[in-house]
Protein backbone atom coordinates (compact mmCIF):
# COMPACT_ATOMS: atom_id res chain seq x y z
CA MET A 1 -10.19 -14.08 -6.62
CA ARG A 2 -6.86 -11.84 -5.72
CA LYS A 3 -6.11 -9.77 -8.32
CA PHE A 4 -3.69 -6.72 -8.99
CA PHE A 5 -4.58 -3.67 -11.25
CA LEU A 6 -3.33 -0.69 -12.24
CA ILE A 7 -5.50 2.70 -12.59
CA THR A 8 -6.62 3.29 -15.31
CA ASP A 9 -9.19 6.06 -14.19
CA LYS A 10 -7.06 9.75 -14.73
CA LYS A 11 -9.01 11.08 -12.05
CA PHE A 12 -7.22 8.66 -9.46
CA ILE A 13 -3.47 8.26 -11.35
CA GLN A 14 -1.34 10.14 -9.08
CA TYR A 15 1.82 12.79 -10.07
CA ASN A 16 0.31 11.75 -13.91
CA ALA A 17 2.11 8.95 -14.50
CA PRO A 18 0.82 5.58 -14.38
CA ALA A 19 2.53 2.47 -12.77
CA THR A 20 5.46 1.27 -13.69
CA THR A 21 4.23 -2.33 -13.31
CA LEU A 22 2.00 -4.87 -11.71
CA PRO A 23 3.06 -5.88 -8.28
CA TYR A 24 4.99 -9.56 -8.52
CA ARG A 25 6.56 -12.21 -6.18
CA ALA A 26 10.34 -12.42 -7.01
CA THR A 27 10.61 -15.69 -6.23
CA LYS A 28 8.23 -19.11 -6.21
CA ASN A 29 8.33 -18.80 -2.10
CA SER A 30 8.30 -15.25 -1.69
CA ALA A 31 5.19 -14.11 0.88
CA GLY A 32 5.55 -10.52 -0.68
CA TYR A 33 4.55 -8.88 -3.89
CA ASP A 34 7.05 -6.39 -4.45
CA MET A 35 5.43 -2.76 -5.21
CA PHE A 36 7.24 -0.42 -7.38
CA SER A 37 7.33 3.90 -7.13
CA PRO A 38 5.76 5.31 -10.28
CA ILE A 39 7.96 8.21 -9.71
CA ASP A 40 11.58 9.85 -8.75
CA THR A 41 11.72 11.11 -5.38
CA THR A 42 14.02 11.38 -2.48
CA ILE A 43 13.02 11.34 1.05
CA ALA A 44 14.93 13.91 3.10
CA PRO A 45 16.15 12.35 6.81
CA ASN A 46 13.96 12.79 9.64
CA SER A 47 11.09 13.22 6.33
CA SER A 48 8.19 11.10 5.09
CA GLU A 49 6.57 10.75 2.04
CA LEU A 50 3.45 9.19 0.46
CA ILE A 51 4.45 7.37 -2.67
CA TRP A 52 1.17 5.96 -4.64
CA THR A 53 1.53 2.64 -6.69
CA ASN A 54 -1.43 3.74 -8.82
CA VAL A 55 -2.08 0.13 -8.63
CA LYS A 56 -5.09 -1.24 -6.37
CA ALA A 57 -5.64 -4.66 -5.76
CA THR A 58 -8.77 -6.87 -5.32
CA TYR A 59 -9.76 -10.03 -2.74
CA GLY A 60 -11.84 -11.83 -0.52
CA GLU A 61 -14.10 -9.97 2.40
CA ASN A 62 -12.79 -12.54 5.09
CA GLU A 63 -8.83 -11.20 3.58
CA VAL A 64 -6.72 -8.55 3.75
CA LEU A 65 -3.60 -6.79 1.98
CA MET A 66 -0.84 -6.28 4.54
CA LEU A 67 2.00 -4.00 3.10
CA PHE A 68 5.84 -3.85 4.51
CA VAL A 69 8.91 -1.70 3.30
CA THR A 70 11.56 -4.42 1.78
CA SER A 71 14.97 -5.87 4.24
CA LYS A 72 16.61 -3.21 1.79
CA MET A 73 14.57 -0.30 2.88
CA GLY A 74 14.88 -1.42 7.16
CA LYS A 75 19.15 -1.17 6.26
CA SER A 76 18.21 2.28 5.02
CA HIS A 77 16.36 2.99 8.49
CA VAL A 78 13.44 3.84 6.18
CA MET A 79 10.02 2.17 7.11
CA LEU A 80 6.08 2.48 7.12
CA ALA A 81 5.56 5.61 8.91
CA ASN A 82 2.43 3.73 10.46
CA GLY A 83 4.82 0.39 11.20
CA THR A 84 2.67 -1.73 8.73
CA GLY A 85 -0.23 -1.18 6.37
CA VAL A 86 -3.53 -3.10 7.11
CA ILE A 87 -5.70 -2.64 3.53
CA ASP A 88 -9.37 -4.28 3.94
CA SER A 89 -11.06 -5.48 0.56
CA ASP A 90 -13.48 -2.53 0.86
CA TYR A 91 -11.10 -0.46 0.29
CA PHE A 92 -11.09 -1.41 -3.34
CA GLU A 93 -12.52 0.50 -5.92
CA ASN A 94 -13.64 3.31 -2.98
CA PRO A 95 -15.05 6.53 -4.12
CA ASN A 96 -11.82 8.69 -3.30
CA ASN A 97 -8.90 7.20 -4.71
CA ASP A 98 -10.64 3.84 -6.62
CA GLY A 99 -8.24 1.71 -3.84
CA ASN A 100 -4.96 3.26 -5.28
CA LEU A 101 -2.14 1.63 -3.12
CA GLY A 102 -0.06 3.94 -1.34
CA PHE A 103 3.13 3.83 1.04
CA ARG A 104 3.80 6.56 3.63
CA LEU A 105 7.67 5.80 3.92
CA LEU A 106 9.53 7.39 6.79
CA ASN A 107 13.33 8.14 6.66
CA LEU A 108 15.14 7.42 10.08
CA GLY A 109 18.70 7.67 8.58
CA LYS A 110 21.06 10.25 8.51
CA GLU A 111 20.88 10.05 4.32
CA PRO A 112 18.51 11.27 1.68
CA TYR A 113 17.01 8.37 0.79
CA VAL A 114 16.43 8.20 -3.12
CA ILE A 115 13.99 6.19 -4.84
CA LYS A 116 13.68 6.21 -8.75
CA THR A 117 10.76 5.23 -11.29
CA GLY A 118 10.44 1.29 -11.05
CA ASP A 119 12.42 1.14 -7.54
CA LYS A 120 10.71 -1.37 -5.39
CA ILE A 121 9.21 0.82 -2.54
CA GLY A 122 7.77 -2.17 -0.89
CA GLN A 123 5.55 -5.38 -0.56
CA GLY A 124 1.96 -6.46 0.17
CA VAL A 125 1.25 -9.59 1.60
CA PHE A 126 -2.01 -11.14 1.22
CA MET A 127 -3.59 -12.71 4.67
CA PRO A 128 -7.10 -14.35 6.04
CA PHE A 129 -8.05 -12.97 9.17
CA LEU A 130 -11.05 -13.99 12.00
CA THR A 131 -13.64 -12.29 13.22
CA VAL A 132 -15.18 -12.89 17.10
CA ASP A 133 -18.46 -14.74 16.80
CA ASP A 134 -20.60 -12.55 19.22
CA GLU A 135 -19.23 -9.49 17.28
CA ASP A 136 -21.93 -6.42 16.80
CA VAL A 137 -22.35 -5.78 13.32
CA SER A 138 -24.68 -2.32 14.11
CA LYS A 139 -21.24 -0.84 14.59
CA GLN A 140 -19.76 -1.55 11.40
CA LYS A 141 -20.01 1.22 8.85
CA ASN A 142 -20.04 1.43 4.59
CA ARG A 143 -16.46 2.48 3.49
CA VAL A 144 -16.92 5.57 2.29
CA GLY A 145 -13.20 6.82 1.49
CA GLY A 146 -10.07 5.85 0.74
CA PHE A 147 -6.47 5.85 2.55
CA GLY A 148 -7.18 6.33 6.42
CA SER A 149 -10.76 6.47 5.99
CA THR A 150 -11.93 3.83 9.02
CA GLY A 151 -10.47 6.94 11.08
CA GLY A 152 -9.72 6.22 14.54
CA ASN A 153 -7.30 7.75 17.08
């Protein structure tokens, strides 16, 4: 079952500000669920800001939640710092942040990018994924952390 939840454990709510709303699709044919900022912030040119949504999502083991900016943000030269967010299903309720979904936004524009509480800061798209038939599962570990916890170079 795919579902969004508000972060309710006070130790995982960022900014001491609950989520403004659960993500939703703006039209019946939208692929992405709009996600919103729980805070006011300004991202200076050539700077980034990690904005936690105070929302988490659950979905199937063979599914992934992909995070993207909105087209409006792209017009302002604001993008995700890593291009696309890949949120694995075992990120949900992890011990570091309870699965709180975050967007590290990078402002490549020449003007400050202003975000107000309740503004869209991105969108999430659920997708199935495939694995190879001869996968070496002995290299797989259980997730023990949150944002960026699977490592990499």
